[in-house]
Amino acid sequence: MKNTFYLLSFTVVLAIAACKSSSKIINTYELTPTQTEIAKKRWPQSDAAKLSHGKSIYTNQCTQCHKTFVIESFSEKKWNHEIDDMSPKANLTPEEKQDLTYFILSYREMKAPVK
């Protein structure tokens, strides 16, 4: 009876650990020439370096407090609100906020379904 309890407990702990480790799958968000073109059309001052910097902020700083969100699942309006709201909490400089915005919105536009 004791062995059955230990085996069951071990199985439950293992199952919980597996769920937790797979729940934080992070998209790599590879930068593409298409994304750079989209950003350049919207913000002529943007470039691949700014997008890369924005990606780094999103995948490193934003995930310190919460999970990464699927970028294309939020509207542009929602992302602008979230970036405005979270930038002071993350102590982002105006340049970092701008680079993050360039990255997120150009990625979202690139992945948005064609209408």
N, C-alpha and C. Protein backbone atom coordinates (compact mmCIF):
# COMPACT_ATOMS: atom_id res chain seq x y z
N MET A 1 0.82 -1.19 0.00
CA MET A 1 0.00 0.00 0.00
C MET A 1 0.88 1.27 0.00
N LYS A 2 1.91 1.23 0.84
CA LYS A 2 2.82 2.36 0.92
C LYS A 2 3.52 2.61 -0.42
N ASN A 3 3.96 1.55 -1.07
CA ASN A 3 4.63 1.67 -2.36
C ASN A 3 3.69 2.23 -3.43
N THR A 4 2.43 1.83 -3.39
CA THR A 4 1.45 2.34 -4.35
C THR A 4 1.26 3.84 -4.16
N PHE A 5 1.20 4.28 -2.91
CA PHE A 5 1.04 5.71 -2.62
C PHE A 5 2.24 6.50 -3.16
N TYR A 6 3.46 6.00 -2.91
CA TYR A 6 4.66 6.68 -3.40
C TYR A 6 4.71 6.72 -4.93
N LEU A 7 4.34 5.63 -5.54
CA LEU A 7 4.33 5.57 -7.00
C LEU A 7 3.31 6.55 -7.57
N LEU A 8 2.14 6.59 -6.98
CA LEU A 8 1.09 7.52 -7.43
C LEU A 8 1.53 8.97 -7.21
N SER A 9 2.12 9.25 -6.07
CA SER A 9 2.61 10.61 -5.78
C SER A 9 3.68 11.03 -6.77
N PHE A 10 4.60 10.13 -7.04
CA PHE A 10 5.67 10.42 -7.99
C PHE A 10 5.10 10.70 -9.37
N THR A 11 4.13 9.92 -9.80
CA THR A 11 3.50 10.09 -11.11
C THR A 11 2.81 11.45 -11.20
N VAL A 12 2.11 11.85 -10.14
CA VAL A 12 1.42 13.14 -10.14
C VAL A 12 2.43 14.29 -10.21
N VAL A 13 3.48 14.21 -9.42
CA VAL A 13 4.52 15.25 -9.44
C VAL A 13 5.16 15.33 -10.82
N LEU A 14 5.45 14.20 -11.41
CA LEU A 14 6.05 14.17 -12.74
C LEU A 14 5.11 14.78 -13.78
N ALA A 15 3.84 14.48 -13.70
CA ALA A 15 2.85 15.03 -14.63
C ALA A 15 2.74 16.54 -14.49
N ILE A 16 2.74 17.03 -13.26
CA ILE A 16 2.67 18.48 -13.03
C ILE A 16 3.92 19.17 -13.56
N ALA A 17 5.07 18.59 -13.33
CA ALA A 17 6.32 19.17 -13.82
C ALA A 17 6.33 19.21 -15.35
N ALA A 18 5.82 18.18 -15.98
CA ALA A 18 5.77 18.15 -17.44
C ALA A 18 4.85 19.24 -17.97
N CYS A 19 3.72 19.45 -17.32
CA CYS A 19 2.78 20.50 -17.74
C CYS A 19 3.42 21.87 -17.59
N LYS A 20 4.07 22.11 -16.48
CA LYS A 20 4.68 23.42 -16.26
C LYS A 20 5.79 23.70 -17.26
N SER A 21 6.61 22.71 -17.56
CA SER A 21 7.72 22.96 -18.47
C SER A 21 7.24 23.17 -19.89
N SER A 22 6.15 22.54 -20.30
CA SER A 22 5.67 22.72 -21.66
C SER A 22 4.74 23.91 -21.80
N SER A 23 4.30 24.50 -20.69
CA SER A 23 3.36 25.61 -20.77
C SER A 23 4.05 26.91 -21.16
N LYS A 24 5.37 26.96 -21.08
CA LYS A 24 6.07 28.19 -21.42
C LYS A 24 6.90 27.99 -22.69
N ILE A 25 6.23 27.59 -23.74
CA ILE A 25 6.89 27.45 -25.02
C ILE A 25 7.01 28.84 -25.60
N ILE A 26 8.20 29.23 -25.94
CA ILE A 26 8.43 30.58 -26.43
C ILE A 26 8.68 30.52 -27.94
N ASN A 27 7.93 31.33 -28.65
CA ASN A 27 8.15 31.47 -30.07
C ASN A 27 9.49 32.16 -30.26
N THR A 28 10.25 31.73 -31.23
CA THR A 28 11.56 32.34 -31.44
C THR A 28 11.46 33.68 -32.15
N TYR A 29 10.34 33.95 -32.80
CA TYR A 29 10.12 35.23 -33.47
C TYR A 29 11.30 35.62 -34.35
N GLU A 30 11.61 34.77 -35.30
CA GLU A 30 12.71 35.06 -36.23
C GLU A 30 12.39 36.31 -37.04
N LEU A 31 13.36 37.20 -37.13
CA LEU A 31 13.20 38.40 -37.95
C LEU A 31 13.38 38.02 -39.41
N THR A 32 12.52 38.57 -40.25
CA THR A 32 12.59 38.26 -41.68
C THR A 32 12.70 39.56 -42.49
N PRO A 33 13.16 39.46 -43.72
CA PRO A 33 13.18 40.64 -44.58
C PRO A 33 11.77 41.24 -44.77
N THR A 34 10.76 40.37 -44.80
CA THR A 34 9.39 40.86 -44.94
C THR A 34 9.01 41.74 -43.77
N GLN A 35 9.34 41.32 -42.57
CA GLN A 35 9.03 42.12 -41.39
C GLN A 35 9.78 43.45 -41.43
N THR A 36 11.02 43.41 -41.85
CA THR A 36 11.81 44.65 -41.95
C THR A 36 11.19 45.60 -42.98
N GLU A 37 10.72 45.06 -44.11
CA GLU A 37 10.05 45.88 -45.12
C GLU A 37 8.78 46.52 -44.58
N ILE A 38 7.99 45.73 -43.87
CA ILE A 38 6.75 46.24 -43.28
C ILE A 38 7.06 47.39 -42.33
N ALA A 39 8.04 47.18 -41.48
CA ALA A 39 8.41 48.22 -40.51
C ALA A 39 8.91 49.47 -41.21
N LYS A 40 9.74 49.28 -42.23
CA LYS A 40 10.31 50.41 -42.96
C LYS A 40 9.24 51.25 -43.64
N LYS A 41 8.18 50.60 -44.15
CA LYS A 41 7.07 51.33 -44.78
C LYS A 41 6.31 52.16 -43.75
N ARG A 42 6.10 51.60 -42.58
CA ARG A 42 5.33 52.29 -41.54
C ARG A 42 6.16 53.34 -40.82
N TRP A 43 7.41 52.99 -40.53
CA TRP A 43 8.29 53.88 -39.78
C TRP A 43 9.61 53.96 -40.53
N PRO A 44 9.78 54.95 -41.39
CA PRO A 44 11.00 55.03 -42.21
C PRO A 44 12.29 55.01 -41.39
N GLN A 45 12.25 55.45 -40.15
CA GLN A 45 13.45 55.47 -39.31
C GLN A 45 13.78 54.09 -38.71
N SER A 46 12.90 53.11 -38.91
CA SER A 46 13.17 51.78 -38.36
C SER A 46 14.16 51.03 -39.24
N ASP A 47 14.79 50.02 -38.66
CA ASP A 47 15.71 49.16 -39.41
C ASP A 47 15.81 47.82 -38.69
N ALA A 48 16.57 46.91 -39.26
CA ALA A 48 16.70 45.56 -38.68
C ALA A 48 17.27 45.60 -37.27
N ALA A 49 18.19 46.53 -37.00
CA ALA A 49 18.78 46.62 -35.66
C ALA A 49 17.73 47.02 -34.63
N LYS A 50 16.86 47.96 -34.98
CA LYS A 50 15.80 48.38 -34.06
C LYS A 50 14.80 47.24 -33.82
N LEU A 51 14.48 46.50 -34.89
CA LEU A 51 13.58 45.36 -34.73
C LEU A 51 14.21 44.29 -33.85
N SER A 52 15.48 44.05 -34.06
CA SER A 52 16.19 43.06 -33.24
C SER A 52 16.22 43.49 -31.77
N HIS A 53 16.42 44.76 -31.54
CA HIS A 53 16.41 45.29 -30.18
C HIS A 53 15.02 45.13 -29.56
N GLY A 54 13.99 45.43 -30.33
CA GLY A 54 12.61 45.26 -29.84
C GLY A 54 12.29 43.80 -29.54
N LYS A 55 12.77 42.91 -30.40
CA LYS A 55 12.59 41.47 -30.17
C LYS A 55 13.26 41.05 -28.86
N SER A 56 14.46 41.54 -28.64
CA SER A 56 15.20 41.21 -27.43
C SER A 56 14.45 41.69 -26.18
N ILE A 57 13.91 42.88 -26.25
CA ILE A 57 13.13 43.40 -25.11
C ILE A 57 11.93 42.49 -24.86
N TYR A 58 11.21 42.14 -25.94
CA TYR A 58 10.01 41.31 -25.79
C TYR A 58 10.33 39.92 -25.25
N THR A 59 11.35 39.28 -25.80
CA THR A 59 11.63 37.90 -25.39
C THR A 59 12.42 37.79 -24.09
N ASN A 60 13.05 38.88 -23.65
CA ASN A 60 13.83 38.82 -22.41
C ASN A 60 13.19 39.60 -21.27
N GLN A 61 12.96 40.89 -21.46
CA GLN A 61 12.43 41.70 -20.37
C GLN A 61 10.97 41.41 -20.06
N CYS A 62 10.15 41.32 -21.09
CA CYS A 62 8.72 41.12 -20.87
C CYS A 62 8.44 39.79 -20.17
N THR A 63 9.26 38.79 -20.46
CA THR A 63 9.03 37.47 -19.89
C THR A 63 9.56 37.33 -18.46
N GLN A 64 10.18 38.36 -17.94
CA GLN A 64 10.64 38.30 -16.56
C GLN A 64 9.45 38.28 -15.59
N CYS A 65 8.35 38.91 -16.00
CA CYS A 65 7.19 39.01 -15.12
C CYS A 65 6.01 38.15 -15.56
N HIS A 66 5.91 37.84 -16.83
CA HIS A 66 4.78 37.04 -17.31
C HIS A 66 5.17 36.31 -18.59
N LYS A 67 4.27 35.45 -19.04
CA LYS A 67 4.54 34.67 -20.25
C LYS A 67 4.55 35.57 -21.48
N THR A 68 5.12 35.05 -22.54
CA THR A 68 5.01 35.76 -23.81
C THR A 68 3.62 35.49 -24.37
N PHE A 69 3.08 36.46 -25.02
CA PHE A 69 1.76 36.31 -25.63
C PHE A 69 1.95 36.13 -27.12
N VAL A 70 1.02 35.43 -27.74
CA VAL A 70 1.07 35.25 -29.18
C VAL A 70 0.77 36.62 -29.78
N ILE A 71 1.76 37.20 -30.42
CA ILE A 71 1.67 38.58 -30.87
C ILE A 71 0.46 38.81 -31.75
N GLU A 72 0.21 37.91 -32.69
CA GLU A 72 -0.88 38.13 -33.62
C GLU A 72 -2.27 37.92 -33.02
N SER A 73 -2.33 37.48 -31.75
CA SER A 73 -3.64 37.29 -31.14
C SER A 73 -4.23 38.59 -30.57
N PHE A 74 -3.43 39.64 -30.46
CA PHE A 74 -3.92 40.93 -29.97
C PHE A 74 -4.00 41.91 -31.13
N SER A 75 -4.97 42.81 -31.05
CA SER A 75 -5.10 43.86 -32.06
C SER A 75 -3.99 44.89 -31.88
N GLU A 76 -3.80 45.70 -32.89
CA GLU A 76 -2.81 46.77 -32.79
C GLU A 76 -3.17 47.73 -31.65
N LYS A 77 -4.45 48.03 -31.54
CA LYS A 77 -4.92 48.92 -30.47
C LYS A 77 -4.59 48.33 -29.10
N LYS A 78 -4.82 47.04 -28.93
CA LYS A 78 -4.52 46.37 -27.66
C LYS A 78 -3.01 46.39 -27.37
N TRP A 79 -2.20 46.13 -28.38
CA TRP A 79 -0.74 46.16 -28.18
C TRP A 79 -0.27 47.56 -27.80
N ASN A 80 -0.79 48.57 -28.50
CA ASN A 80 -0.40 49.95 -28.16
C ASN A 80 -0.75 50.26 -26.71
N HIS A 81 -1.92 49.82 -26.28
CA HIS A 81 -2.34 50.04 -24.89
C HIS A 81 -1.40 49.31 -23.92
N GLU A 82 -1.12 48.05 -24.22
CA GLU A 82 -0.26 47.26 -23.33
C GLU A 82 1.15 47.83 -23.26
N ILE A 83 1.69 48.22 -24.40
CA ILE A 83 3.04 48.79 -24.42
C ILE A 83 3.07 50.10 -23.64
N ASP A 84 2.05 50.95 -23.84
CA ASP A 84 1.97 52.21 -23.07
C ASP A 84 1.87 51.93 -21.58
N ASP A 85 1.08 50.93 -21.22
CA ASP A 85 0.85 50.60 -19.82
C ASP A 85 2.06 49.95 -19.16
N MET A 86 2.73 49.07 -19.87
CA MET A 86 3.80 48.29 -19.27
C MET A 86 5.18 48.95 -19.35
N SER A 87 5.39 49.85 -20.29
CA SER A 87 6.71 50.47 -20.45
C SER A 87 7.24 51.13 -19.18
N PRO A 88 6.42 51.92 -18.47
CA PRO A 88 6.94 52.51 -17.23
C PRO A 88 7.27 51.44 -16.17
N LYS A 89 6.46 50.39 -16.11
CA LYS A 89 6.69 49.32 -15.13
C LYS A 89 7.98 48.56 -15.44
N ALA A 90 8.30 48.47 -16.73
CA ALA A 90 9.53 47.77 -17.14
C ALA A 90 10.72 48.72 -17.24
N ASN A 91 10.50 49.98 -16.88
CA ASN A 91 11.55 51.00 -16.94
C ASN A 91 12.18 51.12 -18.33
N LEU A 92 11.34 51.06 -19.36
CA LEU A 92 11.85 51.21 -20.71
C LEU A 92 12.08 52.67 -21.03
N THR A 93 13.16 52.94 -21.73
CA THR A 93 13.42 54.29 -22.23
C THR A 93 12.47 54.54 -23.41
N PRO A 94 12.30 55.79 -23.81
CA PRO A 94 11.47 56.06 -24.99
C PRO A 94 11.96 55.30 -26.23
N GLU A 95 13.28 55.18 -26.40
CA GLU A 95 13.83 54.45 -27.55
C GLU A 95 13.49 52.95 -27.46
N GLU A 96 13.60 52.37 -26.27
CA GLU A 96 13.27 50.96 -26.09
C GLU A 96 11.79 50.71 -26.36
N LYS A 97 10.95 51.61 -25.86
CA LYS A 97 9.51 51.50 -26.10
C LYS A 97 9.23 51.55 -27.60
N GLN A 98 9.89 52.45 -28.30
CA GLN A 98 9.69 52.60 -29.74
C GLN A 98 10.15 51.33 -30.47
N ASP A 99 11.31 50.81 -30.13
CA ASP A 99 11.81 49.59 -30.77
C ASP A 99 10.90 48.41 -30.50
N LEU A 100 10.39 48.30 -29.28
CA LEU A 100 9.45 47.24 -28.94
C LEU A 100 8.18 47.37 -29.78
N THR A 101 7.69 48.57 -29.92
CA THR A 101 6.49 48.82 -30.72
C THR A 101 6.74 48.44 -32.18
N TYR A 102 7.88 48.86 -32.73
CA TYR A 102 8.22 48.50 -34.11
C TYR A 102 8.21 46.98 -34.30
N PHE A 103 8.87 46.30 -33.37
CA PHE A 103 8.96 44.84 -33.48
C PHE A 103 7.59 44.19 -33.41
N ILE A 104 6.83 44.50 -32.37
CA ILE A 104 5.55 43.83 -32.16
C ILE A 104 4.57 44.12 -33.29
N LEU A 105 4.42 45.38 -33.65
CA LEU A 105 3.41 45.72 -34.66
C LEU A 105 3.80 45.25 -36.06
N SER A 106 5.08 45.27 -36.39
CA SER A 106 5.48 44.76 -37.71
C SER A 106 5.35 43.24 -37.75
N TYR A 107 5.67 42.57 -36.65
CA TYR A 107 5.51 41.11 -36.61
C TYR A 107 4.03 40.76 -36.73
N ARG A 108 3.19 41.48 -36.00
CA ARG A 108 1.76 41.24 -36.04
C ARG A 108 1.21 41.42 -37.45
N GLU A 109 1.63 42.50 -38.11
CA GLU A 109 1.16 42.77 -39.47
C GLU A 109 1.64 41.68 -40.43
N MET A 110 2.86 41.23 -40.25
CA MET A 110 3.41 40.19 -41.11
C MET A 110 2.60 38.89 -40.97
N LYS A 111 2.18 38.57 -39.74
CA LYS A 111 1.49 37.32 -39.47
C LYS A 111 -0.04 37.43 -39.61
N ALA A 112 -0.54 38.64 -39.75
CA ALA A 112 -2.00 38.82 -39.83
C ALA A 112 -2.55 38.11 -41.06
N PRO A 113 -3.71 37.49 -40.91
CA PRO A 113 -4.31 36.83 -42.07
C PRO A 113 -4.68 37.85 -43.15
N VAL A 114 -4.52 37.47 -44.39
CA VAL A 114 -4.84 38.34 -45.51
C VAL A 114 -6.36 38.48 -45.58
N LYS A 115 -6.81 39.73 -45.71
CA LYS A 115 -8.26 39.97 -45.77
C LYS A 115 -8.73 40.15 -47.18
